[in-house]
């Protein structure tokens, strides 16, 4: 799930969904409350730990954290040095995610069609809007964490994908890289700055996760097809955000004092200022598509039921 959520296209929620742990994840998160301390006081920490299934959550989120930290530097380097193949790969992943989630809609009706159209329009509109705030400001990191974690537990929509829409993806990846570098080089200043940012991001994520788990649990039980239709439409409209060829309209200065793209628009390959690398783009788009397709096929062999 951590590896999936580093990549803007594969959903950690989808990985949980097709691997058979999704319902346990949602129910465990939804169940978490202050009653944990009451059981701890009366019966001991072991009983409280078992009662709230915390071994499951600890193993899962520790694995997510390790995976994110280990892949962040690689993804950051690839985005800086090979942007077109990387974004093409992401584009293929999202297209595959659209098909994967869309085909799970078991009953097509007017409501589902309207939901897809409206979600597509809303998502596309978001992709062409100016970022809502500085990707490195404290309040923005809190908001990004709050929203991204909701996407993480939604099948079909990744936290990294939402960070892309918010314009915070590169900033969060850079912070993760700084955090890892601070640990490996024993650079306290670098570590502390990155830790503060990740702490704020994490607080937002924890609050968002708890707030949304109950809503999500109810929505999937009572309006599953509509929810899947909304997710499908949202991903279709958001394909504009990860289109490989962009024209930079405005730059911003990042934490290192470097000029980086801030506002961009999608253009055709023949309008790209530089080598459009069309052949590489097609190859990596296909590879991205096949990655999720093959994962789905492997999961299907396990015959894990995903519908009640």
C-alpha atoms as a PDB file:
ATOM      1  CA  UNK A   1       0.000   0.000   0.000  1.00  0.00           C
ATOM      2  CA  UNK A   2       2.885   2.386   0.755  1.00  0.00           C
ATOM      3  CA  UNK A   3       4.495   1.719  -2.610  1.00  0.00           C
ATOM      4  CA  UNK A   4       1.136   2.334  -4.275  1.00  0.00           C
ATOM      5  CA  UNK A   5       0.529   5.631  -2.491  1.00  0.00           C
ATOM      6  CA  UNK A   6       3.927   7.037  -3.461  1.00  0.00           C
ATOM      7  CA  UNK A   7       2.880   6.687  -7.106  1.00  0.00           C
ATOM      8  CA  UNK A   8       0.163   9.070  -8.337  1.00  0.00           C
ATOM      9  CA  UNK A   9      -2.115   6.523  -9.960  1.00  0.00           C
ATOM     10  CA  UNK A  10      -2.225   3.299  -7.988  1.00  0.00           C
ATOM     11  CA  UNK A  11      -4.412   3.430  -4.921  1.00  0.00           C
ATOM     12  CA  UNK A  12      -3.337   1.966  -1.623  1.00  0.00           C
ATOM     13  CA  UNK A  13      -7.046   1.411  -1.059  1.00  0.00           C
ATOM     14  CA  UNK A  14      -7.217  -0.618  -4.262  1.00  0.00           C
ATOM     15  CA  UNK A  15      -4.322  -2.797  -3.084  1.00  0.00           C
ATOM     16  CA  UNK A  16      -6.144  -3.392   0.205  1.00  0.00           C
ATOM     17  CA  UNK A  17      -9.380  -4.037  -1.689  1.00  0.00           C
ATOM     18  CA  UNK A  18      -8.044  -6.725  -4.030  1.00  0.00           C
ATOM     19  CA  UNK A  19      -5.823  -8.319  -1.379  1.00  0.00           C
ATOM     20  CA  UNK A  20      -8.769  -8.973   0.932  1.00  0.00           C
ATOM     21  CA  UNK A  21      -7.911  -6.724   3.900  1.00  0.00           C
ATOM     22  CA  UNK A  22     -10.038  -3.694   2.980  1.00  0.00           C
ATOM     23  CA  UNK A  23     -13.067  -4.384   5.177  1.00  0.00           C
ATOM     24  CA  UNK A  24     -10.881  -5.191   8.178  1.00  0.00           C
ATOM     25  CA  UNK A  25      -8.947  -1.950   7.637  1.00  0.00           C
ATOM     26  CA  UNK A  26     -12.054   0.258   7.483  1.00  0.00           C
ATOM     27  CA  UNK A  27     -13.767  -1.450  10.415  1.00  0.00           C
ATOM     28  CA  UNK A  28     -10.614  -1.318  12.577  1.00  0.00           C
ATOM     29  CA  UNK A  29     -10.087   2.397  11.915  1.00  0.00           C
ATOM     30  CA  UNK A  30     -13.780   3.146  12.467  1.00  0.00           C
ATOM     31  CA  UNK A  31     -13.732   1.286  15.790  1.00  0.00           C
ATOM     32  CA  UNK A  32     -10.818   3.308  17.227  1.00  0.00           C
ATOM     33  CA  UNK A  33     -11.930   5.618  20.041  1.00  0.00           C
ATOM     34  CA  UNK A  34     -11.064   6.714  23.565  1.00  0.00           C
ATOM     35  CA  UNK A  35     -12.594   3.504  24.907  1.00  0.00           C
ATOM     36  CA  UNK A  36      -9.130   2.035  24.340  1.00  0.00           C
ATOM     37  CA  UNK A  37      -7.901   3.764  27.500  1.00  0.00           C
ATOM     38  CA  UNK A  38     -10.888   2.539  29.497  1.00  0.00           C
ATOM     39  CA  UNK A  39     -10.126  -1.087  28.596  1.00  0.00           C
ATOM     40  CA  UNK A  40      -6.431  -0.452  29.263  1.00  0.00           C
ATOM     41  CA  UNK A  41      -7.252   0.803  32.777  1.00  0.00           C
ATOM     42  CA  UNK A  42      -9.611  -2.067  33.610  1.00  0.00           C
ATOM     43  CA  UNK A  43      -8.030  -5.046  31.830  1.00  0.00           C
ATOM     44  CA  UNK A  44      -4.516  -3.979  30.905  1.00  0.00           C
ATOM     45  CA  UNK A  45      -2.827  -2.800  27.744  1.00  0.00           C
ATOM     46  CA  UNK A  46      -2.689  -6.277  26.211  1.00  0.00           C
ATOM     47  CA  UNK A  47      -6.487  -6.639  26.291  1.00  0.00           C
ATOM     48  CA  UNK A  48      -6.954  -3.135  24.893  1.00  0.00           C
ATOM     49  CA  UNK A  49      -4.409  -3.812  22.138  1.00  0.00           C
ATOM     50  CA  UNK A  50      -6.124  -7.043  21.105  1.00  0.00           C
ATOM     51  CA  UNK A  51      -9.632  -5.585  21.414  1.00  0.00           C
ATOM     52  CA  UNK A  52      -8.829  -2.782  18.967  1.00  0.00           C
ATOM     53  CA  UNK A  53      -6.848  -5.008  16.546  1.00  0.00           C
ATOM     54  CA  UNK A  54      -3.814  -2.755  16.850  1.00  0.00           C
ATOM     55  CA  UNK A  55      -1.321  -5.441  15.780  1.00  0.00           C
ATOM     56  CA  UNK A  56      -2.989  -5.350  12.364  1.00  0.00           C
ATOM     57  CA  UNK A  57      -2.864  -1.551  12.139  1.00  0.00           C
ATOM     58  CA  UNK A  58       0.708  -1.316  13.442  1.00  0.00           C
ATOM     59  CA  UNK A  59       2.043  -3.892  10.972  1.00  0.00           C
ATOM     60  CA  UNK A  60       0.147  -2.300   8.093  1.00  0.00           C
ATOM     61  CA  UNK A  61       1.086   1.330   8.707  1.00  0.00           C
ATOM     62  CA  UNK A  62       4.679   0.527   9.626  1.00  0.00           C
ATOM     63  CA  UNK A  63       4.974  -1.237   6.293  1.00  0.00           C
ATOM     64  CA  UNK A  64       3.400   1.773   4.567  1.00  0.00           C
ATOM     65  CA  UNK A  65       5.854   4.162   6.250  1.00  0.00           C
ATOM     66  CA  UNK A  66       8.939   2.089   5.395  1.00  0.00           C
ATOM     67  CA  UNK A  67       7.834   1.746   1.789  1.00  0.00           C
ATOM     68  CA  UNK A  68       7.107   5.460   1.360  1.00  0.00           C
ATOM     69  CA  UNK A  69      10.428   6.533   2.860  1.00  0.00           C
ATOM     70  CA  UNK A  70      12.391   4.042   0.764  1.00  0.00           C
ATOM     71  CA  UNK A  71      10.743   5.012  -2.539  1.00  0.00           C
ATOM     72  CA  UNK A  72      10.418   8.789  -2.102  1.00  0.00           C
ATOM     73  CA  UNK A  73      14.008   9.551  -3.108  1.00  0.00           C
ATOM     74  CA  UNK A  74      13.813   7.365  -6.204  1.00  0.00           C
ATOM     75  CA  UNK A  75      10.543   8.942  -7.354  1.00  0.00           C
ATOM     76  CA  UNK A  76      11.904  12.446  -6.740  1.00  0.00           C
ATOM     77  CA  UNK A  77      15.029  11.695  -8.797  1.00  0.00           C
ATOM     78  CA  UNK A  78      13.006  10.207 -11.653  1.00  0.00           C
ATOM     79  CA  UNK A  79      10.642  13.199 -11.764  1.00  0.00           C
ATOM     80  CA  UNK A  80      13.599  15.601 -11.942  1.00  0.00           C
ATOM     81  CA  UNK A  81      15.582  13.717 -14.573  1.00  0.00           C
ATOM     82  CA  UNK A  82      13.054  11.775 -16.669  1.00  0.00           C
ATOM     83  CA  UNK A  83       9.722  13.604 -16.354  1.00  0.00           C
ATOM     84  CA  UNK A  84       8.028  12.535 -19.606  1.00  0.00           C
ATOM     85  CA  UNK A  85       8.535   8.750 -19.207  1.00  0.00           C
ATOM     86  CA  UNK A  86       7.574   8.972 -15.522  1.00  0.00           C
ATOM     87  CA  UNK A  87       4.383  10.942 -16.112  1.00  0.00           C
ATOM     88  CA  UNK A  88       3.544   8.639 -19.030  1.00  0.00           C
ATOM     89  CA  UNK A  89       3.890   5.654 -16.703  1.00  0.00           C
ATOM     90  CA  UNK A  90       1.626   7.383 -14.152  1.00  0.00           C
ATOM     91  CA  UNK A  91      -0.879   8.177 -16.929  1.00  0.00           C
ATOM     92  CA  UNK A  92      -1.066   4.506 -17.879  1.00  0.00           C
ATOM     93  CA  UNK A  93      -1.577   3.550 -14.248  1.00  0.00           C
ATOM     94  CA  UNK A  94      -4.519   5.910 -13.883  1.00  0.00           C
ATOM     95  CA  UNK A  95      -6.152   4.679 -17.096  1.00  0.00           C
ATOM     96  CA  UNK A  96      -5.877   1.124 -15.763  1.00  0.00           C
ATOM     97  CA  UNK A  97      -7.318   2.274 -12.408  1.00  0.00           C
ATOM     98  CA  UNK A  98     -10.295   3.837 -14.217  1.00  0.00           C
ATOM     99  CA  UNK A  99     -11.101   0.530 -15.912  1.00  0.00           C
ATOM    100  CA  UNK A 100     -10.461  -1.480 -12.742  1.00  0.00           C
ATOM    101  CA  UNK A 101     -12.859   0.552 -10.615  1.00  0.00           C
ATOM    102  CA  UNK A 102     -15.419   1.267 -13.344  1.00  0.00           C
ATOM    103  CA  UNK A 103     -16.026  -2.381 -14.141  1.00  0.00           C
ATOM    104  CA  UNK A 104     -16.896  -3.053 -10.506  1.00  0.00           C
ATOM    105  CA  UNK A 105     -20.093  -1.031 -10.894  1.00  0.00           C
ATOM    106  CA  UNK A 106     -22.636  -3.858 -10.860  1.00  0.00           C
ATOM    107  CA  UNK A 107     -25.745  -1.867 -11.798  1.00  0.00           C
ATOM    108  CA  UNK A 108     -25.627   1.009 -14.298  1.00  0.00           C
ATOM    109  CA  UNK A 109     -28.444   3.499 -13.979  1.00  0.00           C
ATOM    110  CA  UNK A 110     -29.099   7.194 -14.525  1.00  0.00           C
ATOM    111  CA  UNK A 111     -27.673   8.035 -11.113  1.00  0.00           C
ATOM    112  CA  UNK A 112     -24.350   6.359 -11.894  1.00  0.00           C
ATOM    113  CA  UNK A 113     -24.096   8.066 -15.282  1.00  0.00           C
ATOM    114  CA  UNK A 114     -24.830  11.479 -13.782  1.00  0.00           C
ATOM    115  CA  UNK A 115     -22.320  10.790 -10.989  1.00  0.00           C
ATOM    116  CA  UNK A 116     -19.564   9.968 -13.490  1.00  0.00           C
ATOM    117  CA  UNK A 117     -20.263  13.057 -15.622  1.00  0.00           C
ATOM    118  CA  UNK A 118     -20.377  15.420 -12.641  1.00  0.00           C
ATOM    119  CA  UNK A 119     -17.291  13.900 -11.008  1.00  0.00           C
ATOM    120  CA  UNK A 120     -15.365  14.093 -14.294  1.00  0.00           C
ATOM    121  CA  UNK A 121     -16.310  17.754 -14.754  1.00  0.00           C
ATOM    122  CA  UNK A 122     -15.430  18.624 -11.158  1.00  0.00           C
ATOM    123  CA  UNK A 123     -12.102  16.803 -11.304  1.00  0.00           C
ATOM    124  CA  UNK A 124     -11.105  18.407 -14.601  1.00  0.00           C
ATOM    125  CA  UNK A 125     -12.027  21.834 -13.230  1.00  0.00           C
ATOM    126  CA  UNK A 126      -9.790  21.225 -10.210  1.00  0.00           C
ATOM    127  CA  UNK A 127      -6.854  20.327 -12.472  1.00  0.00           C
ATOM    128  CA  UNK A 128      -6.991  23.660 -14.305  1.00  0.00           C
ATOM    129  CA  UNK A 129      -7.422  25.781 -11.184  1.00  0.00           C
ATOM    130  CA  UNK A 130      -4.524  27.604  -9.561  1.00  0.00           C
ATOM    131  CA  UNK A 131      -3.141  25.815  -6.469  1.00  0.00           C
ATOM    132  CA  UNK A 132      -5.104  26.843  -3.372  1.00  0.00           C
ATOM    133  CA  UNK A 133      -2.065  27.720  -1.313  1.00  0.00           C
ATOM    134  CA  UNK A 134       1.683  27.482  -0.979  1.00  0.00           C
ATOM    135  CA  UNK A 135       2.601  23.772  -1.053  1.00  0.00           C
ATOM    136  CA  UNK A 136       5.071  24.365   1.774  1.00  0.00           C
ATOM    137  CA  UNK A 137       2.967  26.438   4.194  1.00  0.00           C
ATOM    138  CA  UNK A 138       1.979  24.793   7.494  1.00  0.00           C
ATOM    139  CA  UNK A 139      -1.797  25.047   7.090  1.00  0.00           C
ATOM    140  CA  UNK A 140      -1.553  23.730   3.541  1.00  0.00           C
ATOM    141  CA  UNK A 141       0.431  20.669   4.661  1.00  0.00           C
ATOM    142  CA  UNK A 142      -2.219  19.948   7.310  1.00  0.00           C
ATOM    143  CA  UNK A 143      -4.993  20.255   4.717  1.00  0.00           C
ATOM    144  CA  UNK A 144      -3.064  18.105   2.209  1.00  0.00           C
ATOM    145  CA  UNK A 145      -2.563  15.380   4.827  1.00  0.00           C
ATOM    146  CA  UNK A 146      -6.251  15.497   5.791  1.00  0.00           C
ATOM    147  CA  UNK A 147      -7.398  15.080   2.181  1.00  0.00           C
ATOM    148  CA  UNK A 148      -4.667  12.704   0.967  1.00  0.00           C
ATOM    149  CA  UNK A 149      -5.286  10.117   3.685  1.00  0.00           C
ATOM    150  CA  UNK A 150      -8.958   9.989   2.707  1.00  0.00           C
ATOM    151  CA  UNK A 151      -7.888   9.065  -0.817  1.00  0.00           C
ATOM    152  CA  UNK A 152      -5.479   6.473   0.537  1.00  0.00           C
ATOM    153  CA  UNK A 153      -8.319   4.359   1.918  1.00  0.00           C
ATOM    154  CA  UNK A 154     -10.549   4.856  -1.127  1.00  0.00           C
ATOM    155  CA  UNK A 155     -10.230   2.052  -3.681  1.00  0.00           C
ATOM    156  CA  UNK A 156      -9.192   3.615  -6.965  1.00  0.00           C
ATOM    157  CA  UNK A 157      -7.807   6.914  -5.750  1.00  0.00           C
ATOM    158  CA  UNK A 158      -4.320   7.336  -4.287  1.00  0.00           C
ATOM    159  CA  UNK A 159      -3.129   9.843  -1.709  1.00  0.00           C
ATOM    160  CA  UNK A 160      -0.308  10.825  -4.064  1.00  0.00           C
ATOM    161  CA  UNK A 161      -2.922  11.426  -6.757  1.00  0.00           C
ATOM    162  CA  UNK A 162      -4.763  13.898  -4.524  1.00  0.00           C
ATOM    163  CA  UNK A 163      -1.477  15.589  -3.622  1.00  0.00           C
ATOM    164  CA  UNK A 164      -0.933  16.076  -7.350  1.00  0.00           C
ATOM    165  CA  UNK A 165      -4.304  17.789  -7.664  1.00  0.00           C
ATOM    166  CA  UNK A 166      -3.511  20.031  -4.716  1.00  0.00           C
ATOM    167  CA  UNK A 167      -0.091  20.900  -6.138  1.00  0.00           C
ATOM    168  CA  UNK A 168       1.637  19.423  -3.076  1.00  0.00           C
ATOM    169  CA  UNK A 169       3.054  16.160  -4.438  1.00  0.00           C
ATOM    170  CA  UNK A 170       6.577  17.349  -5.284  1.00  0.00           C
ATOM    171  CA  UNK A 171       6.810  19.287  -2.003  1.00  0.00           C
ATOM    172  CA  UNK A 172       5.850  16.256   0.110  1.00  0.00           C
ATOM    173  CA  UNK A 173       8.232  13.989  -1.838  1.00  0.00           C
ATOM    174  CA  UNK A 174      11.035  16.527  -1.291  1.00  0.00           C
ATOM    175  CA  UNK A 175      10.277  16.631   2.458  1.00  0.00           C
ATOM    176  CA  UNK A 176      10.392  12.838   2.667  1.00  0.00           C
ATOM    177  CA  UNK A 177      13.740  12.886   0.865  1.00  0.00           C
ATOM    178  CA  UNK A 178      15.068  15.475   3.340  1.00  0.00           C
ATOM    179  CA  UNK A 179      13.808  13.395   6.259  1.00  0.00           C
ATOM    180  CA  UNK A 180      15.571  10.282   4.993  1.00  0.00           C
ATOM    181  CA  UNK A 181      18.754  12.211   4.201  1.00  0.00           C
ATOM    182  CA  UNK A 182      18.746  13.829   7.639  1.00  0.00           C
ATOM    183  CA  UNK A 183      18.626  10.376   9.257  1.00  0.00           C
ATOM    184  CA  UNK A 184      21.319   8.782   7.090  1.00  0.00           C
ATOM    185  CA  UNK A 185      23.728  11.749   7.286  1.00  0.00           C
ATOM    186  CA  UNK A 186      22.961  12.637  10.941  1.00  0.00           C
ATOM    187  CA  UNK A 187      22.091  16.165   9.828  1.00  0.00           C
ATOM    188  CA  UNK A 188      19.952  17.416  12.733  1.00  0.00           C
ATOM    189  CA  UNK A 189      18.894  20.670  11.069  1.00  0.00           C
ATOM    190  CA  UNK A 190      17.702  18.899   7.930  1.00  0.00           C
ATOM    191  CA  UNK A 191      15.986  16.186   9.976  1.00  0.00           C
ATOM    192  CA  UNK A 192      14.205  18.612  12.319  1.00  0.00           C
ATOM    193  CA  UNK A 193      12.830  20.816   9.523  1.00  0.00           C
ATOM    194  CA  UNK A 194      11.534  17.800   7.622  1.00  0.00           C
ATOM    195  CA  UNK A 195      10.145  16.234  10.824  1.00  0.00           C
ATOM    196  CA  UNK A 196       8.073  19.325  11.670  1.00  0.00           C
ATOM    197  CA  UNK A 197       6.542  19.359   8.181  1.00  0.00           C
ATOM    198  CA  UNK A 198       5.814  15.624   8.262  1.00  0.00           C
ATOM    199  CA  UNK A 199       4.361  15.932  11.777  1.00  0.00           C
ATOM    200  CA  UNK A 200       1.893  18.594  10.620  1.00  0.00           C
ATOM    201  CA  UNK A 201       1.076  16.507   7.545  1.00  0.00           C
ATOM    202  CA  UNK A 202       0.640  13.427   9.770  1.00  0.00           C
ATOM    203  CA  UNK A 203      -1.719  15.167  12.209  1.00  0.00           C
ATOM    204  CA  UNK A 204      -3.902  16.174   9.286  1.00  0.00           C
ATOM    205  CA  UNK A 205      -3.800  12.605   8.005  1.00  0.00           C
ATOM    206  CA  UNK A 206      -4.782  11.076  11.362  1.00  0.00           C
ATOM    207  CA  UNK A 207      -7.737  13.440  11.785  1.00  0.00           C
ATOM    208  CA  UNK A 208      -8.847  12.890   8.201  1.00  0.00           C
ATOM    209  CA  UNK A 209      -8.566   9.110   8.494  1.00  0.00           C
ATOM    210  CA  UNK A 210     -10.709   8.925  11.628  1.00  0.00           C
ATOM    211  CA  UNK A 211     -13.262  11.447  10.392  1.00  0.00           C
ATOM    212  CA  UNK A 212     -13.810   9.738   7.052  1.00  0.00           C
ATOM    213  CA  UNK A 213     -13.641   6.032   7.944  1.00  0.00           C
ATOM    214  CA  UNK A 214     -17.157   5.979   9.406  1.00  0.00           C
ATOM    215  CA  UNK A 215     -18.617   7.865   6.443  1.00  0.00           C
ATOM    216  CA  UNK A 216     -16.843   5.589   3.989  1.00  0.00           C
ATOM    217  CA  UNK A 217     -18.019   2.478   5.801  1.00  0.00           C
ATOM    218  CA  UNK A 218     -21.639   3.627   5.527  1.00  0.00           C
ATOM    219  CA  UNK A 219     -21.353   4.809   1.913  1.00  0.00           C
ATOM    220  CA  UNK A 220     -19.946   1.545   0.636  1.00  0.00           C
ATOM    221  CA  UNK A 221     -22.635  -0.455   2.418  1.00  0.00           C
ATOM    222  CA  UNK A 222     -25.560   1.637   1.162  1.00  0.00           C
ATOM    223  CA  UNK A 223     -24.459   3.392  -2.070  1.00  0.00           C
ATOM    224  CA  UNK A 224     -21.547   1.365  -3.407  1.00  0.00           C
ATOM    225  CA  UNK A 225     -22.269   1.759  -7.135  1.00  0.00           C
ATOM    226  CA  UNK A 226     -22.681   5.517  -6.859  1.00  0.00           C
ATOM    227  CA  UNK A 227     -19.426   5.823  -4.903  1.00  0.00           C
ATOM    228  CA  UNK A 228     -17.560   3.758  -7.503  1.00  0.00           C
ATOM    229  CA  UNK A 229     -19.089   5.889 -10.281  1.00  0.00           C
ATOM    230  CA  UNK A 230     -17.879   9.073  -8.570  1.00  0.00           C
ATOM    231  CA  UNK A 231     -14.372   7.633  -8.180  1.00  0.00           C
ATOM    232  CA  UNK A 232     -14.299   6.588 -11.834  1.00  0.00           C
ATOM    233  CA  UNK A 233     -15.365  10.029 -13.037  1.00  0.00           C
ATOM    234  CA  UNK A 234     -12.933  11.743 -10.709  1.00  0.00           C
ATOM    235  CA  UNK A 235     -10.017   9.776 -12.145  1.00  0.00           C
ATOM    236  CA  UNK A 236     -11.093  10.408 -15.747  1.00  0.00           C
ATOM    237  CA  UNK A 237     -11.169  14.179 -15.237  1.00  0.00           C
ATOM    238  CA  UNK A 238      -7.893  14.158 -13.339  1.00  0.00           C
ATOM    239  CA  UNK A 239      -5.974  12.563 -16.229  1.00  0.00           C
ATOM    240  CA  UNK A 240      -5.352  16.138 -17.368  1.00  0.00           C
ATOM    241  CA  UNK A 241      -3.163  16.705 -14.307  1.00  0.00           C
ATOM    242  CA  UNK A 242      -0.691  13.950 -15.166  1.00  0.00           C
ATOM    243  CA  UNK A 243      -0.574  14.468 -18.938  1.00  0.00           C
ATOM    244  CA  UNK A 244       3.161  14.113 -19.754  1.00  0.00           C
ATOM    245  CA  UNK A 245       3.576  17.269 -21.859  1.00  0.00           C
ATOM    246  CA  UNK A 246       3.162  20.569 -20.048  1.00  0.00           C
ATOM    247  CA  UNK A 247       3.830  24.237 -20.676  1.00  0.00           C
ATOM    248  CA  UNK A 248       4.900  26.171 -17.589  1.00  0.00           C
ATOM    249  CA  UNK A 249       2.868  29.341 -17.136  1.00  0.00           C
ATOM    250  CA  UNK A 250       4.274  30.404 -13.783  1.00  0.00           C
ATOM    251  CA  UNK A 251       7.197  29.413 -11.571  1.00  0.00           C
ATOM    252  CA  UNK A 252       7.620  29.452  -7.785  1.00  0.00           C
ATOM    253  CA  UNK A 253      10.640  29.304  -5.478  1.00  0.00           C
ATOM    254  CA  UNK A 254      10.916  26.102  -3.427  1.00  0.00           C
ATOM    255  CA  UNK A 255      12.517  25.456  -0.035  1.00  0.00           C
ATOM    256  CA  UNK A 256      15.980  25.257  -1.630  1.00  0.00           C
ATOM    257  CA  UNK A 257      15.651  28.605  -3.398  1.00  0.00           C
ATOM    258  CA  UNK A 258      15.199  26.955  -6.794  1.00  0.00           C
ATOM    259  CA  UNK A 259      12.727  28.044  -9.461  1.00  0.00           C
ATOM    260  CA  UNK A 260      10.248  25.211 -10.042  1.00  0.00           C
ATOM    261  CA  UNK A 261       6.987  24.984 -12.077  1.00  0.00           C
ATOM    262  CA  UNK A 262       3.924  26.308 -10.233  1.00  0.00           C
ATOM    263  CA  UNK A 263       1.131  26.651 -12.800  1.00  0.00           C
ATOM    264  CA  UNK A 264       1.149  24.495 -15.940  1.00  0.00           C
ATOM    265  CA  UNK A 265      -1.163  23.615 -18.799  1.00  0.00           C
ATOM    266  CA  UNK A 266      -1.365  20.472 -20.923  1.00  0.00           C
ATOM    267  CA  UNK A 267      -0.143  20.726 -24.527  1.00  0.00           C
ATOM    268  CA  UNK A 268       0.332  18.407 -27.487  1.00  0.00           C
ATOM    269  CA  UNK A 269       3.713  16.683 -27.928  1.00  0.00           C
ATOM    270  CA  UNK A 270       4.524  18.745 -31.044  1.00  0.00           C
ATOM    271  CA  UNK A 271       4.087  21.941 -28.982  1.00  0.00           C
ATOM    272  CA  UNK A 272       6.506  20.806 -26.271  1.00  0.00           C
ATOM    273  CA  UNK A 273       9.594  22.964 -25.778  1.00  0.00           C
ATOM    274  CA  UNK A 274      12.230  20.253 -26.060  1.00  0.00           C
ATOM    275  CA  UNK A 275      12.393  16.578 -27.003  1.00  0.00           C
ATOM    276  CA  UNK A 276       8.832  15.203 -26.580  1.00  0.00           C
ATOM    277  CA  UNK A 277      10.142  11.612 -26.341  1.00  0.00           C
ATOM    278  CA  UNK A 278       6.927  10.271 -27.870  1.00  0.00           C
ATOM    279  CA  UNK A 279       8.213   6.715 -28.321  1.00  0.00           C
ATOM    280  CA  UNK A 280       9.376   6.491 -24.703  1.00  0.00           C
ATOM    281  CA  UNK A 281       6.093   8.023 -23.571  1.00  0.00           C
ATOM    282  CA  UNK A 282       4.063   5.359 -25.382  1.00  0.00           C
ATOM    283  CA  UNK A 283       6.253   2.549 -24.046  1.00  0.00           C
ATOM    284  CA  UNK A 284       5.990   3.708 -20.449  1.00  0.00           C
ATOM    285  CA  UNK A 285       2.267   4.435 -20.748  1.00  0.00           C
ATOM    286  CA  UNK A 286       1.737   0.815 -21.816  1.00  0.00           C
ATOM    287  CA  UNK A 287       4.003  -0.420 -19.016  1.00  0.00           C
ATOM    288  CA  UNK A 288       2.037   1.627 -16.483  1.00  0.00           C
ATOM    289  CA  UNK A 289      -1.244   0.222 -17.743  1.00  0.00           C
ATOM    290  CA  UNK A 290       0.032  -3.360 -17.694  1.00  0.00           C
ATOM    291  CA  UNK A 291       1.432  -2.987 -14.156  1.00  0.00           C
ATOM    292  CA  UNK A 292      -1.993  -2.548 -12.591  1.00  0.00           C
ATOM    293  CA  UNK A 293      -3.660  -4.897 -15.065  1.00  0.00           C
ATOM    294  CA  UNK A 294      -1.246  -7.716 -14.175  1.00  0.00           C
ATOM    295  CA  UNK A 295      -1.656  -6.976 -10.461  1.00  0.00           C
ATOM    296  CA  UNK A 296      -5.403  -7.281 -10.874  1.00  0.00           C
ATOM    297  CA  UNK A 297      -5.028 -10.580 -12.749  1.00  0.00           C
ATOM    298  CA  UNK A 298      -2.771 -11.994 -10.040  1.00  0.00           C
ATOM    299  CA  UNK A 299      -5.249 -10.957  -7.355  1.00  0.00           C
ATOM    300  CA  UNK A 300      -8.128 -12.498  -9.303  1.00  0.00           C
ATOM    301  CA  UNK A 301      -6.392 -15.892  -9.202  1.00  0.00           C
ATOM    302  CA  UNK A 302      -6.750 -15.817  -5.420  1.00  0.00           C
ATOM    303  CA  UNK A 303     -10.536 -15.512  -5.921  1.00  0.00           C
ATOM    304  CA  UNK A 304     -10.878 -12.954  -3.136  1.00  0.00           C
ATOM    305  CA  UNK A 305     -14.552 -11.836  -3.014  1.00  0.00           C
ATOM    306  CA  UNK A 306     -14.920  -8.057  -3.167  1.00  0.00           C
ATOM    307  CA  UNK A 307     -18.685  -7.794  -3.177  1.00  0.00           C
ATOM    308  CA  UNK A 308     -21.110  -8.723  -0.475  1.00  0.00           C
END
